[in-house]
N, C-alpha and C. Protein backbone atom coordinates (compact mmCIF):
# COMPACT_ATOMS: atom_id res chain seq x y z
N MET A 1 37.04 19.73 134.66
CA MET A 1 36.00 19.78 135.69
C MET A 1 36.40 18.89 136.86
N ASN A 2 36.05 19.32 138.04
CA ASN A 2 36.39 18.58 139.25
C ASN A 2 35.40 17.44 139.47
N LYS A 3 35.94 16.22 139.51
CA LYS A 3 35.12 15.05 139.72
C LYS A 3 34.57 15.04 141.15
N LYS A 4 33.34 14.56 141.31
CA LYS A 4 32.73 14.45 142.64
C LYS A 4 32.84 13.01 143.11
N ILE A 5 33.14 12.86 144.39
CA ILE A 5 33.26 11.53 144.98
C ILE A 5 32.19 11.39 146.04
N MET A 6 31.43 10.30 145.94
CA MET A 6 30.35 10.04 146.89
C MET A 6 30.94 9.36 148.13
N THR A 7 30.55 9.85 149.30
CA THR A 7 30.98 9.22 150.54
C THR A 7 29.83 9.31 151.54
N SER A 8 29.92 8.53 152.58
CA SER A 8 28.87 8.53 153.61
C SER A 8 29.51 8.62 154.98
N ILE A 9 28.82 9.28 155.89
CA ILE A 9 29.26 9.31 157.28
C ILE A 9 28.03 9.12 158.16
N LYS A 10 28.30 8.80 159.42
CA LYS A 10 27.21 8.70 160.39
C LYS A 10 27.29 9.88 161.35
N LEU A 11 26.12 10.38 161.71
CA LEU A 11 26.00 11.51 162.64
C LEU A 11 25.03 11.15 163.76
N GLN A 12 25.16 11.86 164.86
CA GLN A 12 24.14 11.75 165.90
C GLN A 12 22.86 12.38 165.37
N LYS A 13 21.73 11.85 165.82
CA LYS A 13 20.43 12.35 165.35
C LYS A 13 20.27 13.85 165.61
N ILE A 14 20.65 14.33 166.79
CA ILE A 14 20.49 15.75 167.13
C ILE A 14 21.38 16.64 166.25
N VAL A 15 22.59 16.17 165.96
CA VAL A 15 23.51 16.94 165.10
C VAL A 15 22.95 17.00 163.68
N HIS A 16 22.44 15.87 163.21
CA HIS A 16 21.86 15.81 161.87
C HIS A 16 20.68 16.78 161.76
N LEU A 17 19.84 16.79 162.78
CA LEU A 17 18.68 17.68 162.79
C LEU A 17 19.12 19.15 162.79
N LYS A 18 20.08 19.49 163.65
CA LYS A 18 20.58 20.87 163.72
C LYS A 18 21.21 21.28 162.39
N MET A 19 21.95 20.35 161.77
CA MET A 19 22.58 20.64 160.49
C MET A 19 21.51 20.92 159.43
N GLN A 20 20.47 20.09 159.37
CA GLN A 20 19.40 20.31 158.39
C GLN A 20 18.73 21.66 158.60
N GLN A 21 18.46 22.01 159.86
CA GLN A 21 17.85 23.30 160.15
C GLN A 21 18.76 24.45 159.71
N ARG A 22 20.07 24.30 159.97
CA ARG A 22 21.01 25.37 159.63
C ARG A 22 21.15 25.51 158.11
N ILE A 23 21.19 24.40 157.41
CA ILE A 23 21.30 24.44 155.94
C ILE A 23 20.13 25.22 155.36
N ILE A 24 18.93 24.96 155.86
CA ILE A 24 17.74 25.66 155.37
C ILE A 24 17.77 27.12 155.79
N SER A 25 18.10 27.38 157.08
CA SER A 25 18.10 28.78 157.55
C SER A 25 19.21 29.60 156.88
N ASP A 26 20.29 28.95 156.47
CA ASP A 26 21.37 29.64 155.76
C ASP A 26 21.04 29.87 154.29
N GLY A 27 19.89 29.36 153.85
CA GLY A 27 19.43 29.61 152.48
C GLY A 27 19.96 28.65 151.44
N TYR A 28 20.48 27.49 151.86
CA TYR A 28 21.00 26.52 150.89
C TYR A 28 19.91 25.65 150.29
N GLY A 29 18.76 25.57 150.94
CA GLY A 29 17.68 24.73 150.45
C GLY A 29 17.97 23.26 150.69
N MET A 30 17.03 22.41 150.38
CA MET A 30 17.17 20.98 150.65
C MET A 30 18.26 20.32 149.81
N ARG A 31 18.57 20.87 148.66
CA ARG A 31 19.59 20.27 147.80
C ARG A 31 20.98 20.82 148.08
N GLY A 32 21.08 21.72 149.05
CA GLY A 32 22.36 22.37 149.32
C GLY A 32 23.21 21.72 150.38
N LYS A 33 22.81 20.53 150.84
CA LYS A 33 23.52 19.87 151.94
C LYS A 33 25.00 19.64 151.63
N SER A 34 25.29 19.07 150.48
CA SER A 34 26.70 18.78 150.15
C SER A 34 27.52 20.07 150.08
N GLN A 35 26.95 21.12 149.47
CA GLN A 35 27.68 22.39 149.37
C GLN A 35 27.96 22.96 150.76
N TRP A 36 27.00 22.90 151.64
CA TRP A 36 27.16 23.40 153.01
C TRP A 36 28.27 22.62 153.73
N ILE A 37 28.27 21.30 153.55
CA ILE A 37 29.28 20.45 154.19
C ILE A 37 30.65 20.69 153.57
N ILE A 38 30.72 20.86 152.25
CA ILE A 38 31.99 21.17 151.57
C ILE A 38 32.59 22.43 152.17
N GLU A 39 31.77 23.48 152.30
CA GLU A 39 32.27 24.73 152.88
C GLU A 39 32.72 24.53 154.32
N ALA A 40 31.98 23.71 155.07
CA ALA A 40 32.35 23.43 156.47
C ALA A 40 33.72 22.75 156.53
N ILE A 41 33.97 21.79 155.64
CA ILE A 41 35.25 21.07 155.63
C ILE A 41 36.38 22.01 155.23
N GLU A 42 36.14 22.83 154.19
CA GLU A 42 37.19 23.77 153.74
C GLU A 42 37.58 24.72 154.86
N GLN A 43 36.59 25.26 155.57
CA GLN A 43 36.87 26.17 156.69
C GLN A 43 37.59 25.43 157.82
N PHE A 44 37.14 24.21 158.10
CA PHE A 44 37.68 23.43 159.20
C PHE A 44 39.16 23.11 159.00
N LEU A 45 39.52 22.72 157.78
CA LEU A 45 40.91 22.33 157.51
C LEU A 45 41.88 23.51 157.60
N LYS A 46 41.35 24.73 157.63
CA LYS A 46 42.20 25.92 157.79
C LYS A 46 42.48 26.23 159.26
N LEU A 47 41.74 25.58 160.17
CA LEU A 47 41.94 25.84 161.59
C LEU A 47 43.26 25.24 162.06
N PRO A 48 44.05 25.99 162.83
CA PRO A 48 45.35 25.45 163.26
C PRO A 48 45.22 24.25 164.20
N ASP A 49 44.13 24.17 164.93
CA ASP A 49 43.98 23.09 165.92
C ASP A 49 43.05 21.98 165.44
N PHE A 50 42.87 21.83 164.10
CA PHE A 50 41.90 20.85 163.63
C PHE A 50 42.19 19.41 164.07
N PRO A 51 43.47 18.96 164.21
CA PRO A 51 43.65 17.58 164.67
C PRO A 51 43.05 17.32 166.07
N THR A 52 43.14 18.31 166.95
CA THR A 52 42.56 18.16 168.30
C THR A 52 41.05 18.10 168.21
N LEU A 53 40.46 18.91 167.34
CA LEU A 53 39.01 18.92 167.18
C LEU A 53 38.51 17.61 166.57
N VAL A 54 39.32 16.99 165.72
CA VAL A 54 38.97 15.68 165.15
C VAL A 54 38.99 14.63 166.27
N ASP A 55 39.96 14.75 167.18
CA ASP A 55 40.04 13.81 168.30
C ASP A 55 38.78 13.91 169.17
N ILE A 56 38.27 15.12 169.35
CA ILE A 56 37.03 15.31 170.12
C ILE A 56 35.85 14.63 169.40
N ALA A 57 35.79 14.78 168.09
CA ALA A 57 34.72 14.16 167.29
C ALA A 57 34.80 12.64 167.37
N ASP A 58 36.01 12.12 167.57
CA ASP A 58 36.21 10.68 167.67
C ASP A 58 35.45 10.11 168.87
N GLY A 59 35.19 10.96 169.87
CA GLY A 59 34.50 10.50 171.07
C GLY A 59 32.98 10.47 170.95
N MET A 60 32.45 10.90 169.80
CA MET A 60 30.99 10.92 169.63
C MET A 60 30.45 9.50 169.55
N ASP A 61 29.29 9.28 170.20
CA ASP A 61 28.65 7.97 170.10
C ASP A 61 27.21 8.16 169.62
N GLN A 62 26.48 7.07 169.56
CA GLN A 62 25.09 7.07 169.07
C GLN A 62 24.99 7.67 167.67
N LEU A 63 25.88 7.22 166.80
CA LEU A 63 25.90 7.71 165.41
C LEU A 63 24.88 6.90 164.60
N SER A 64 23.62 7.34 164.65
CA SER A 64 22.53 6.56 164.08
C SER A 64 22.09 7.04 162.69
N GLU A 65 22.45 8.28 162.32
CA GLU A 65 21.98 8.86 161.06
C GLU A 65 23.05 8.74 159.99
N LEU A 66 22.76 8.01 158.92
CA LEU A 66 23.69 7.88 157.80
C LEU A 66 23.38 8.95 156.77
N ILE A 67 24.38 9.77 156.46
CA ILE A 67 24.18 10.79 155.42
C ILE A 67 25.20 10.58 154.31
N SER A 68 24.74 10.79 153.08
CA SER A 68 25.62 10.67 151.91
C SER A 68 25.90 12.07 151.38
N ILE A 69 27.16 12.28 151.00
CA ILE A 69 27.56 13.59 150.47
C ILE A 69 28.45 13.39 149.25
N ARG A 70 28.41 14.38 148.37
CA ARG A 70 29.26 14.38 147.17
C ARG A 70 30.32 15.45 147.36
N LEU A 71 31.56 15.01 147.43
CA LEU A 71 32.67 15.93 147.66
C LEU A 71 33.55 16.02 146.42
N PRO A 72 34.04 17.23 146.10
CA PRO A 72 34.96 17.37 144.97
C PRO A 72 36.24 16.56 145.22
N GLU A 73 36.81 16.04 144.16
CA GLU A 73 38.01 15.21 144.27
C GLU A 73 39.15 15.95 144.97
N ASP A 74 39.33 17.25 144.67
CA ASP A 74 40.43 17.98 145.30
C ASP A 74 40.21 18.14 146.81
N LEU A 75 38.96 18.24 147.23
CA LEU A 75 38.69 18.31 148.67
C LEU A 75 38.97 16.96 149.34
N MET A 76 38.63 15.86 148.65
CA MET A 76 38.96 14.53 149.18
C MET A 76 40.47 14.40 149.33
N ASN A 77 41.23 14.95 148.38
CA ASN A 77 42.69 14.92 148.48
C ASN A 77 43.17 15.72 149.69
N GLN A 78 42.53 16.88 149.95
CA GLN A 78 42.88 17.68 151.13
C GLN A 78 42.58 16.90 152.41
N ILE A 79 41.44 16.21 152.42
CA ILE A 79 41.09 15.40 153.59
C ILE A 79 42.14 14.30 153.79
N ASP A 80 42.54 13.66 152.69
CA ASP A 80 43.58 12.61 152.78
C ASP A 80 44.88 13.18 153.35
N GLN A 81 45.25 14.40 152.94
CA GLN A 81 46.45 15.05 153.49
C GLN A 81 46.27 15.34 154.98
N SER A 82 45.07 15.75 155.37
CA SER A 82 44.81 16.05 156.78
C SER A 82 44.90 14.79 157.64
N ILE A 83 44.51 13.65 157.06
CA ILE A 83 44.56 12.39 157.78
C ILE A 83 46.00 12.07 158.19
N ILE A 84 46.95 12.38 157.31
CA ILE A 84 48.37 12.15 157.62
C ILE A 84 48.77 12.97 158.85
N LYS A 85 48.37 14.25 158.88
CA LYS A 85 48.67 15.10 160.04
C LYS A 85 48.02 14.56 161.31
N ILE A 86 46.76 14.16 161.19
CA ILE A 86 46.02 13.67 162.36
C ILE A 86 46.64 12.38 162.89
N ARG A 87 47.03 11.50 161.99
CA ARG A 87 47.63 10.22 162.40
C ARG A 87 48.95 10.42 163.16
N ARG A 88 49.67 11.52 162.85
CA ARG A 88 50.90 11.81 163.60
C ARG A 88 50.60 12.07 165.07
N HIS A 89 49.46 12.75 165.33
CA HIS A 89 49.06 13.07 166.70
C HIS A 89 48.31 11.92 167.36
N TYR A 90 47.48 11.24 166.58
CA TYR A 90 46.58 10.20 167.12
C TYR A 90 46.69 8.94 166.26
N PRO A 91 47.79 8.19 166.39
CA PRO A 91 48.02 7.05 165.49
C PRO A 91 47.00 5.93 165.61
N ALA A 92 46.32 5.82 166.73
CA ALA A 92 45.37 4.71 166.93
C ALA A 92 43.93 5.05 166.52
N MET A 93 43.69 6.29 166.11
CA MET A 93 42.32 6.70 165.78
C MET A 93 41.77 5.92 164.60
N GLU A 94 40.55 5.45 164.76
CA GLU A 94 39.84 4.75 163.68
C GLU A 94 38.91 5.71 162.95
N GLY A 95 38.61 5.44 161.70
CA GLY A 95 37.62 6.22 160.96
C GLY A 95 37.94 7.70 160.88
N VAL A 96 39.20 8.02 160.57
CA VAL A 96 39.65 9.42 160.60
C VAL A 96 38.88 10.28 159.60
N LYS A 97 38.65 9.76 158.41
CA LYS A 97 37.97 10.56 157.37
C LYS A 97 36.57 10.96 157.84
N SER A 98 35.82 10.02 158.40
CA SER A 98 34.48 10.33 158.92
C SER A 98 34.57 11.33 160.06
N ASN A 99 35.58 11.18 160.91
CA ASN A 99 35.74 12.11 162.02
C ASN A 99 36.06 13.52 161.54
N VAL A 100 36.82 13.64 160.45
CA VAL A 100 37.11 14.96 159.88
C VAL A 100 35.81 15.62 159.44
N VAL A 101 34.97 14.88 158.73
CA VAL A 101 33.71 15.43 158.24
C VAL A 101 32.79 15.77 159.41
N ARG A 102 32.69 14.85 160.38
CA ARG A 102 31.85 15.11 161.57
C ARG A 102 32.32 16.36 162.31
N ALA A 103 33.63 16.46 162.54
CA ALA A 103 34.19 17.62 163.26
C ALA A 103 33.93 18.90 162.48
N SER A 104 34.03 18.85 161.15
CA SER A 104 33.77 20.02 160.31
C SER A 104 32.35 20.52 160.48
N ILE A 105 31.41 19.58 160.47
CA ILE A 105 29.99 19.93 160.64
C ILE A 105 29.77 20.53 162.03
N MET A 106 30.32 19.89 163.05
CA MET A 106 30.15 20.38 164.42
C MET A 106 30.71 21.80 164.57
N GLN A 107 31.90 22.02 164.03
CA GLN A 107 32.52 23.34 164.17
C GLN A 107 31.74 24.41 163.43
N ARG A 108 31.20 24.07 162.26
CA ARG A 108 30.41 25.08 161.54
C ARG A 108 29.15 25.40 162.33
N LEU A 109 28.54 24.39 162.93
CA LEU A 109 27.34 24.63 163.74
C LEU A 109 27.68 25.48 164.97
N LEU A 110 28.85 25.26 165.55
CA LEU A 110 29.24 25.96 166.77
C LEU A 110 29.77 27.37 166.50
N ARG A 111 30.53 27.54 165.44
CA ARG A 111 31.26 28.79 165.22
C ARG A 111 30.46 29.86 164.51
N GLU A 112 29.57 29.46 163.60
CA GLU A 112 28.84 30.46 162.84
C GLU A 112 27.54 30.83 163.53
N PRO A 113 27.27 32.10 163.63
CA PRO A 113 25.99 32.48 164.24
C PRO A 113 24.84 32.03 163.36
N THR A 114 23.82 31.56 163.97
CA THR A 114 22.65 31.13 163.20
C THR A 114 21.77 32.33 162.89
N SER A 115 21.12 32.29 161.75
CA SER A 115 20.27 33.41 161.36
C SER A 115 18.86 33.24 161.93
N VAL A 116 18.57 32.08 162.50
CA VAL A 116 17.27 31.81 163.10
C VAL A 116 17.47 31.74 164.61
N THR A 117 16.55 32.33 165.35
CA THR A 117 16.69 32.29 166.81
C THR A 117 16.42 30.89 167.33
N GLU A 118 17.28 30.45 168.22
CA GLU A 118 17.13 29.11 168.81
C GLU A 118 15.91 29.10 169.72
N VAL A 119 15.20 27.99 169.75
CA VAL A 119 14.02 27.87 170.61
C VAL A 119 14.40 27.12 171.86
């Protein structure tokens, strides 16, 4: 069985709110947050330009919302491998792991059509 690893990241309040709305509208329910984020990370790491997108996430400020997620150990290993790639492009970047998760969430919110009409 794949061990789960608990980790935390900070998000902007508006991103956190949009993510919660999307998780519910996508049918994951309140307990589906980690699964939704896991899928977002898996999709994100397949993008050819993900290091550039992580650099954009590095510029986010006002990270006031702390969220905890449970990630499978093999996904954490994939994130660790991605950090090596990102560091080659952006050696001075701080908090790369959090930026990977933040960028994954942002890209899923941006790329997937929402099933609920925006107000």
